[in-house]
Amino acid sequence: MNKYIFITVLLFLSVGISSAQVSIVANKSVQDNGLTTLKVASIFSLEQVKWSSGDRIVVFDQNGDAKKDFYAGIGKDPLSMKKDWMKKQLTGEAKAPETLSSDADVIAKVSSTPGSIGYVNSSNVSSAVKVLLEIK
């Protein structure tokens, strides 16, 4: 009996450890608040290119640890998104997002680029950016 309890506890702990929380962060100039995952997916798909204020949205992607959890959280596949970005860039509809190396790079770029948005592990959020949404 104790063996089954131990295994059950281990399973719950491993599930909690494997899924990190991701924060969608924006430059402090962004006035939009309380985004949904659907809205974030639209922004990162380059379907929505302006904030409600009319300002242009600048999207930053990354190759860091948060990437897998972010795309799973918005229900998108990174490779499909990249293909869509390239099509939009080739047709002149939109510019593909700049891809950064880490959470620190995303925070630095987002904090210094008006109208920008990106994502980082929630544990790495700083006061230099505004959190618009958290994805578990």
N, C-alpha and C. Protein backbone atom coordinates (compact mmCIF):
# COMPACT_ATOMS: atom_id res chain seq x y z
N MET A 1 0.82 -1.19 0.00
CA MET A 1 0.00 0.00 0.00
C MET A 1 0.87 1.26 0.00
N ASN A 2 1.89 1.29 0.85
CA ASN A 2 2.77 2.45 0.91
C ASN A 2 3.49 2.68 -0.41
N LYS A 3 3.78 1.60 -1.11
CA LYS A 3 4.45 1.70 -2.41
C LYS A 3 3.58 2.46 -3.41
N TYR A 4 2.27 2.21 -3.42
CA TYR A 4 1.36 2.87 -4.34
C TYR A 4 1.20 4.35 -4.01
N ILE A 5 1.15 4.65 -2.73
CA ILE A 5 1.07 6.05 -2.31
C ILE A 5 2.32 6.80 -2.74
N PHE A 6 3.47 6.19 -2.55
CA PHE A 6 4.74 6.80 -2.94
C PHE A 6 4.77 7.08 -4.45
N ILE A 7 4.34 6.10 -5.25
CA ILE A 7 4.33 6.26 -6.70
C ILE A 7 3.36 7.37 -7.11
N THR A 8 2.20 7.42 -6.49
CA THR A 8 1.21 8.46 -6.80
C THR A 8 1.77 9.85 -6.49
N VAL A 9 2.40 9.99 -5.34
CA VAL A 9 3.00 11.28 -4.96
C VAL A 9 4.08 11.67 -5.96
N LEU A 10 4.91 10.73 -6.34
CA LEU A 10 5.96 10.99 -7.32
C LEU A 10 5.39 11.46 -8.65
N LEU A 11 4.33 10.85 -9.11
CA LEU A 11 3.69 11.26 -10.36
C LEU A 11 3.17 12.68 -10.29
N PHE A 12 2.52 13.04 -9.20
CA PHE A 12 2.02 14.41 -9.04
C PHE A 12 3.15 15.41 -9.01
N LEU A 13 4.23 15.09 -8.33
CA LEU A 13 5.38 15.99 -8.27
C LEU A 13 6.03 16.17 -9.63
N SER A 14 6.16 15.10 -10.39
CA SER A 14 6.81 15.21 -11.70
C SER A 14 5.97 16.01 -12.67
N VAL A 15 4.65 15.91 -12.59
CA VAL A 15 3.78 16.71 -13.46
C VAL A 15 3.94 18.19 -13.11
N GLY A 16 4.00 18.52 -11.84
CA GLY A 16 4.15 19.91 -11.42
C GLY A 16 5.48 20.50 -11.83
N ILE A 17 6.53 19.70 -11.83
CA ILE A 17 7.85 20.19 -12.17
C ILE A 17 8.00 20.39 -13.68
N SER A 18 7.38 19.52 -14.47
CA SER A 18 7.60 19.55 -15.91
C SER A 18 6.93 20.71 -16.62
N SER A 19 5.86 21.29 -16.07
CA SER A 19 5.21 22.38 -16.78
C SER A 19 5.47 23.70 -16.07
N ALA A 20 6.30 24.49 -16.68
CA ALA A 20 6.65 25.78 -16.12
C ALA A 20 5.58 26.80 -16.48
N GLN A 21 5.49 27.82 -15.71
CA GLN A 21 4.56 28.90 -15.99
C GLN A 21 5.26 29.92 -16.87
N VAL A 22 4.56 30.38 -17.90
CA VAL A 22 5.11 31.34 -18.84
C VAL A 22 4.33 32.64 -18.73
N SER A 23 5.05 33.76 -18.73
CA SER A 23 4.40 35.07 -18.68
C SER A 23 4.55 35.76 -20.03
N ILE A 24 3.43 36.31 -20.50
CA ILE A 24 3.44 37.14 -21.71
C ILE A 24 3.73 38.55 -21.22
N VAL A 25 4.84 39.12 -21.69
CA VAL A 25 5.27 40.42 -21.21
C VAL A 25 5.24 41.44 -22.34
N ALA A 26 5.04 42.69 -21.97
CA ALA A 26 4.99 43.77 -22.94
C ALA A 26 5.74 44.97 -22.41
N ASN A 27 6.07 45.86 -23.34
CA ASN A 27 6.67 47.13 -22.96
C ASN A 27 5.65 47.89 -22.12
N LYS A 28 6.13 48.67 -21.18
CA LYS A 28 5.23 49.39 -20.28
C LYS A 28 4.36 50.41 -21.00
N SER A 29 4.71 50.75 -22.25
CA SER A 29 3.89 51.69 -23.02
C SER A 29 2.59 51.07 -23.52
N VAL A 30 2.51 49.74 -23.52
CA VAL A 30 1.32 49.04 -24.01
C VAL A 30 0.17 49.26 -23.03
N GLN A 31 -0.96 49.73 -23.56
CA GLN A 31 -2.10 50.03 -22.71
C GLN A 31 -3.06 48.86 -22.57
N ASP A 32 -2.99 47.88 -23.47
CA ASP A 32 -3.89 46.73 -23.41
C ASP A 32 -3.57 45.90 -22.17
N ASN A 33 -4.60 45.40 -21.52
CA ASN A 33 -4.45 44.56 -20.34
C ASN A 33 -5.31 43.31 -20.49
N GLY A 34 -5.02 42.31 -19.68
CA GLY A 34 -5.87 41.14 -19.60
C GLY A 34 -6.07 40.41 -20.91
N LEU A 35 -5.02 40.13 -21.63
CA LEU A 35 -5.13 39.39 -22.87
C LEU A 35 -5.54 37.95 -22.61
N THR A 36 -6.20 37.34 -23.57
CA THR A 36 -6.54 35.92 -23.51
C THR A 36 -5.52 35.15 -24.33
N THR A 37 -5.49 33.83 -24.16
CA THR A 37 -4.57 33.02 -24.97
C THR A 37 -4.93 33.12 -26.44
N LEU A 38 -6.20 33.26 -26.76
CA LEU A 38 -6.64 33.41 -28.15
C LEU A 38 -6.09 34.70 -28.75
N LYS A 39 -6.13 35.78 -27.99
CA LYS A 39 -5.61 37.07 -28.46
C LYS A 39 -4.10 36.99 -28.63
N VAL A 40 -3.41 36.35 -27.69
CA VAL A 40 -1.96 36.19 -27.79
C VAL A 40 -1.60 35.37 -29.03
N ALA A 41 -2.36 34.31 -29.28
CA ALA A 41 -2.12 33.49 -30.48
C ALA A 41 -2.30 34.32 -31.73
N SER A 42 -3.28 35.19 -31.75
CA SER A 42 -3.52 36.07 -32.89
C SER A 42 -2.37 37.05 -33.09
N ILE A 43 -1.84 37.57 -32.00
CA ILE A 43 -0.71 38.50 -32.07
C ILE A 43 0.53 37.78 -32.58
N PHE A 44 0.84 36.62 -32.02
CA PHE A 44 2.05 35.90 -32.42
C PHE A 44 1.91 35.26 -33.80
N SER A 45 0.67 35.07 -34.29
CA SER A 45 0.45 34.60 -35.65
C SER A 45 0.55 35.74 -36.66
N LEU A 46 0.73 36.95 -36.15
CA LEU A 46 0.81 38.18 -36.95
C LEU A 46 -0.51 38.50 -37.65
N GLU A 47 -1.61 38.01 -37.08
CA GLU A 47 -2.93 38.35 -37.58
C GLU A 47 -3.37 39.68 -37.00
N GLN A 48 -3.06 39.92 -35.73
CA GLN A 48 -3.32 41.22 -35.11
C GLN A 48 -1.98 41.95 -35.06
N VAL A 49 -1.88 43.07 -35.74
CA VAL A 49 -0.60 43.78 -35.84
C VAL A 49 -0.61 45.13 -35.15
N LYS A 50 -1.77 45.52 -34.56
CA LYS A 50 -1.86 46.79 -33.84
C LYS A 50 -2.55 46.59 -32.50
N TRP A 51 -2.10 47.36 -31.53
CA TRP A 51 -2.74 47.39 -30.22
C TRP A 51 -4.04 48.17 -30.34
N SER A 52 -4.88 48.15 -29.33
CA SER A 52 -6.15 48.87 -29.35
C SER A 52 -5.94 50.38 -29.51
N SER A 53 -4.78 50.87 -29.13
CA SER A 53 -4.45 52.29 -29.27
C SER A 53 -4.10 52.66 -30.71
N GLY A 54 -3.91 51.65 -31.56
CA GLY A 54 -3.50 51.90 -32.95
C GLY A 54 -2.00 51.77 -33.15
N ASP A 55 -1.25 51.65 -32.06
CA ASP A 55 0.20 51.50 -32.17
C ASP A 55 0.55 50.12 -32.73
N ARG A 56 1.64 50.06 -33.49
CA ARG A 56 2.10 48.81 -34.09
C ARG A 56 2.62 47.87 -33.00
N ILE A 57 2.31 46.58 -33.15
CA ILE A 57 2.81 45.55 -32.22
C ILE A 57 4.13 45.02 -32.76
N VAL A 58 5.15 44.99 -31.91
CA VAL A 58 6.44 44.41 -32.25
C VAL A 58 6.57 43.11 -31.46
N VAL A 59 6.65 41.99 -32.19
CA VAL A 59 6.67 40.67 -31.56
C VAL A 59 8.10 40.15 -31.47
N PHE A 60 8.45 39.63 -30.30
CA PHE A 60 9.74 38.97 -30.10
C PHE A 60 9.50 37.51 -29.73
N ASP A 61 10.15 36.62 -30.44
CA ASP A 61 10.11 35.19 -30.16
C ASP A 61 11.41 34.84 -29.45
N GLN A 62 11.57 33.59 -29.02
CA GLN A 62 12.83 33.20 -28.40
C GLN A 62 13.12 31.72 -28.58
N ASN A 63 14.36 31.37 -28.37
CA ASN A 63 14.80 29.97 -28.42
C ASN A 63 15.13 29.45 -27.03
N GLY A 64 14.71 30.15 -26.00
CA GLY A 64 15.02 29.75 -24.63
C GLY A 64 14.10 28.67 -24.11
N ASP A 65 14.20 28.44 -22.81
CA ASP A 65 13.45 27.38 -22.13
C ASP A 65 11.94 27.56 -22.20
N ALA A 66 11.45 28.78 -22.30
CA ALA A 66 10.01 29.04 -22.26
C ALA A 66 9.30 28.71 -23.57
N LYS A 67 10.03 28.52 -24.63
CA LYS A 67 9.42 28.35 -25.97
C LYS A 67 8.40 27.21 -26.03
N LYS A 68 8.79 26.03 -25.60
CA LYS A 68 7.91 24.86 -25.68
C LYS A 68 6.61 25.09 -24.90
N ASP A 69 6.72 25.58 -23.67
CA ASP A 69 5.55 25.80 -22.84
C ASP A 69 4.66 26.92 -23.39
N PHE A 70 5.28 27.95 -23.96
CA PHE A 70 4.51 29.05 -24.54
C PHE A 70 3.64 28.56 -25.69
N TYR A 71 4.25 27.88 -26.66
CA TYR A 71 3.50 27.43 -27.82
C TYR A 71 2.45 26.39 -27.46
N ALA A 72 2.75 25.52 -26.51
CA ALA A 72 1.75 24.56 -26.04
C ALA A 72 0.59 25.31 -25.39
N GLY A 73 0.90 26.35 -24.64
CA GLY A 73 -0.12 27.14 -23.95
C GLY A 73 -1.07 27.89 -24.86
N ILE A 74 -0.58 28.30 -26.04
CA ILE A 74 -1.46 29.01 -26.97
C ILE A 74 -2.00 28.08 -28.06
N GLY A 75 -1.65 26.80 -27.97
CA GLY A 75 -2.18 25.83 -28.91
C GLY A 75 -1.61 25.93 -30.32
N LYS A 76 -0.37 26.33 -30.42
CA LYS A 76 0.28 26.47 -31.72
C LYS A 76 1.56 25.64 -31.78
N ASP A 77 1.98 25.33 -33.00
CA ASP A 77 3.21 24.61 -33.24
C ASP A 77 4.27 25.60 -33.71
N PRO A 78 5.45 25.65 -33.06
CA PRO A 78 6.47 26.63 -33.44
C PRO A 78 6.88 26.55 -34.91
N LEU A 79 7.00 25.35 -35.45
CA LEU A 79 7.42 25.20 -36.84
C LEU A 79 6.36 25.74 -37.80
N SER A 80 5.09 25.45 -37.53
CA SER A 80 4.00 25.99 -38.36
C SER A 80 3.95 27.51 -38.29
N MET A 81 4.16 28.04 -37.09
CA MET A 81 4.18 29.50 -36.93
C MET A 81 5.30 30.12 -37.76
N LYS A 82 6.47 29.50 -37.71
CA LYS A 82 7.61 30.03 -38.46
C LYS A 82 7.32 30.04 -39.96
N LYS A 83 6.69 28.97 -40.45
CA LYS A 83 6.31 28.91 -41.87
C LYS A 83 5.33 30.03 -42.21
N ASP A 84 4.34 30.24 -41.34
CA ASP A 84 3.36 31.31 -41.57
C ASP A 84 4.04 32.68 -41.57
N TRP A 85 4.99 32.88 -40.65
CA TRP A 85 5.71 34.15 -40.60
C TRP A 85 6.47 34.39 -41.89
N MET A 86 7.11 33.35 -42.39
CA MET A 86 7.90 33.50 -43.61
C MET A 86 7.01 33.83 -44.80
N LYS A 87 5.84 33.20 -44.88
CA LYS A 87 4.89 33.51 -45.96
C LYS A 87 4.46 34.97 -45.88
N LYS A 88 4.12 35.41 -44.68
CA LYS A 88 3.68 36.80 -44.50
C LYS A 88 4.79 37.78 -44.81
N GLN A 89 6.01 37.41 -44.49
CA GLN A 89 7.14 38.28 -44.77
C GLN A 89 7.39 38.34 -46.29
N LEU A 90 7.33 37.19 -46.96
CA LEU A 90 7.55 37.15 -48.41
C LEU A 90 6.48 37.91 -49.19
N THR A 91 5.25 37.90 -48.68
CA THR A 91 4.17 38.62 -49.37
C THR A 91 4.08 40.08 -48.94
N GLY A 92 4.88 40.47 -47.97
CA GLY A 92 4.89 41.86 -47.50
C GLY A 92 3.78 42.18 -46.51
N GLU A 93 3.06 41.16 -46.03
CA GLU A 93 1.97 41.39 -45.07
C GLU A 93 2.49 41.78 -43.69
N ALA A 94 3.59 41.18 -43.28
CA ALA A 94 4.14 41.43 -41.95
C ALA A 94 5.60 41.01 -41.92
N LYS A 95 6.29 41.49 -40.92
CA LYS A 95 7.70 41.14 -40.72
C LYS A 95 7.79 40.02 -39.67
N ALA A 96 8.55 38.98 -39.98
CA ALA A 96 8.73 37.88 -39.02
C ALA A 96 9.36 38.41 -37.74
N PRO A 97 8.93 37.90 -36.59
CA PRO A 97 9.49 38.35 -35.32
C PRO A 97 10.98 38.05 -35.20
N GLU A 98 11.68 38.92 -34.51
CA GLU A 98 13.08 38.67 -34.18
C GLU A 98 13.12 37.58 -33.12
N THR A 99 14.01 36.61 -33.30
CA THR A 99 14.15 35.52 -32.33
C THR A 99 15.35 35.80 -31.44
N LEU A 100 15.11 35.80 -30.14
CA LEU A 100 16.14 36.08 -29.15
C LEU A 100 16.56 34.79 -28.46
N SER A 101 17.68 34.83 -27.75
CA SER A 101 18.27 33.62 -27.18
C SER A 101 17.75 33.21 -25.82
N SER A 102 17.28 34.16 -25.03
CA SER A 102 16.97 33.83 -23.64
C SER A 102 15.90 34.76 -23.07
N ASP A 103 15.42 34.40 -21.88
CA ASP A 103 14.48 35.26 -21.17
C ASP A 103 15.09 36.64 -20.92
N ALA A 104 16.34 36.69 -20.53
CA ALA A 104 17.00 37.97 -20.25
C ALA A 104 17.03 38.85 -21.50
N ASP A 105 17.29 38.24 -22.66
CA ASP A 105 17.30 38.99 -23.91
C ASP A 105 15.91 39.52 -24.24
N VAL A 106 14.89 38.69 -24.01
CA VAL A 106 13.51 39.12 -24.27
C VAL A 106 13.15 40.30 -23.38
N ILE A 107 13.46 40.20 -22.10
CA ILE A 107 13.14 41.30 -21.18
C ILE A 107 13.87 42.58 -21.59
N ALA A 108 15.13 42.47 -21.96
CA ALA A 108 15.90 43.65 -22.38
C ALA A 108 15.29 44.28 -23.63
N LYS A 109 14.94 43.48 -24.63
CA LYS A 109 14.38 44.01 -25.88
C LYS A 109 12.98 44.57 -25.68
N VAL A 110 12.13 43.83 -24.96
CA VAL A 110 10.76 44.28 -24.75
C VAL A 110 10.75 45.57 -23.92
N SER A 111 11.59 45.65 -22.91
CA SER A 111 11.60 46.85 -22.06
C SER A 111 12.10 48.08 -22.81
N SER A 112 12.87 47.89 -23.87
CA SER A 112 13.43 49.03 -24.60
C SER A 112 12.75 49.29 -25.95
N THR A 113 11.72 48.51 -26.29
CA THR A 113 11.04 48.67 -27.58
C THR A 113 9.57 48.98 -27.36
N PRO A 114 9.15 50.22 -27.58
CA PRO A 114 7.74 50.58 -27.40
C PRO A 114 6.82 49.70 -28.26
N GLY A 115 5.69 49.29 -27.67
CA GLY A 115 4.71 48.48 -28.38
C GLY A 115 5.06 47.02 -28.53
N SER A 116 6.10 46.58 -27.85
CA SER A 116 6.57 45.20 -28.06
C SER A 116 5.96 44.20 -27.07
N ILE A 117 6.03 42.93 -27.48
CA ILE A 117 5.50 41.82 -26.69
C ILE A 117 6.43 40.62 -26.86
N GLY A 118 6.54 39.81 -25.81
CA GLY A 118 7.34 38.60 -25.84
C GLY A 118 6.87 37.68 -24.73
N TYR A 119 7.61 36.63 -24.47
CA TYR A 119 7.26 35.69 -23.40
C TYR A 119 8.52 35.20 -22.71
N VAL A 120 8.39 34.92 -21.42
CA VAL A 120 9.50 34.44 -20.59
C VAL A 120 8.96 33.49 -19.53
N ASN A 121 9.84 32.71 -18.93
CA ASN A 121 9.45 31.93 -17.76
C ASN A 121 9.03 32.92 -16.68
N SER A 122 7.93 32.64 -16.02
CA SER A 122 7.39 33.56 -15.01
C SER A 122 8.40 33.87 -13.91
N SER A 123 9.27 32.92 -13.61
CA SER A 123 10.26 33.14 -12.56
C SER A 123 11.31 34.18 -12.95
N ASN A 124 11.36 34.54 -14.23
CA ASN A 124 12.36 35.51 -14.69
C ASN A 124 11.80 36.89 -15.02
N VAL A 125 10.53 37.12 -14.74
CA VAL A 125 9.91 38.42 -15.00
C VAL A 125 10.57 39.47 -14.12
N SER A 126 10.79 40.66 -14.69
CA SER A 126 11.34 41.76 -13.91
C SER A 126 10.39 42.95 -13.96
N SER A 127 10.65 43.94 -13.15
CA SER A 127 9.80 45.13 -13.11
C SER A 127 10.00 46.02 -14.34
N ALA A 128 10.92 45.66 -15.22
CA ALA A 128 11.17 46.45 -16.43
C ALA A 128 10.09 46.25 -17.49
N VAL A 129 9.26 45.21 -17.32
CA VAL A 129 8.22 44.90 -18.29
C VAL A 129 6.86 44.76 -17.60
N LYS A 130 5.82 44.73 -18.38
CA LYS A 130 4.45 44.60 -17.89
C LYS A 130 3.95 43.19 -18.23
N VAL A 131 3.38 42.47 -17.27
CA VAL A 131 2.83 41.14 -17.52
C VAL A 131 1.39 41.28 -17.98
N LEU A 132 1.11 40.72 -19.18
CA LEU A 132 -0.25 40.79 -19.74
C LEU A 132 -1.05 39.52 -19.50
N LEU A 133 -0.34 38.38 -19.35
CA LEU A 133 -1.02 37.10 -19.17
C LEU A 133 -0.01 36.08 -18.65
N GLU A 134 -0.48 35.15 -17.84
CA GLU A 134 0.33 34.02 -17.41
C GLU A 134 -0.30 32.74 -17.92
N ILE A 135 0.51 31.88 -18.49
CA ILE A 135 0.06 30.59 -19.03
C ILE A 135 0.69 29.50 -18.20
N LYS A 136 -0.12 28.55 -17.74
CA LYS A 136 0.40 27.42 -16.96
C LYS A 136 0.63 26.23 -17.85
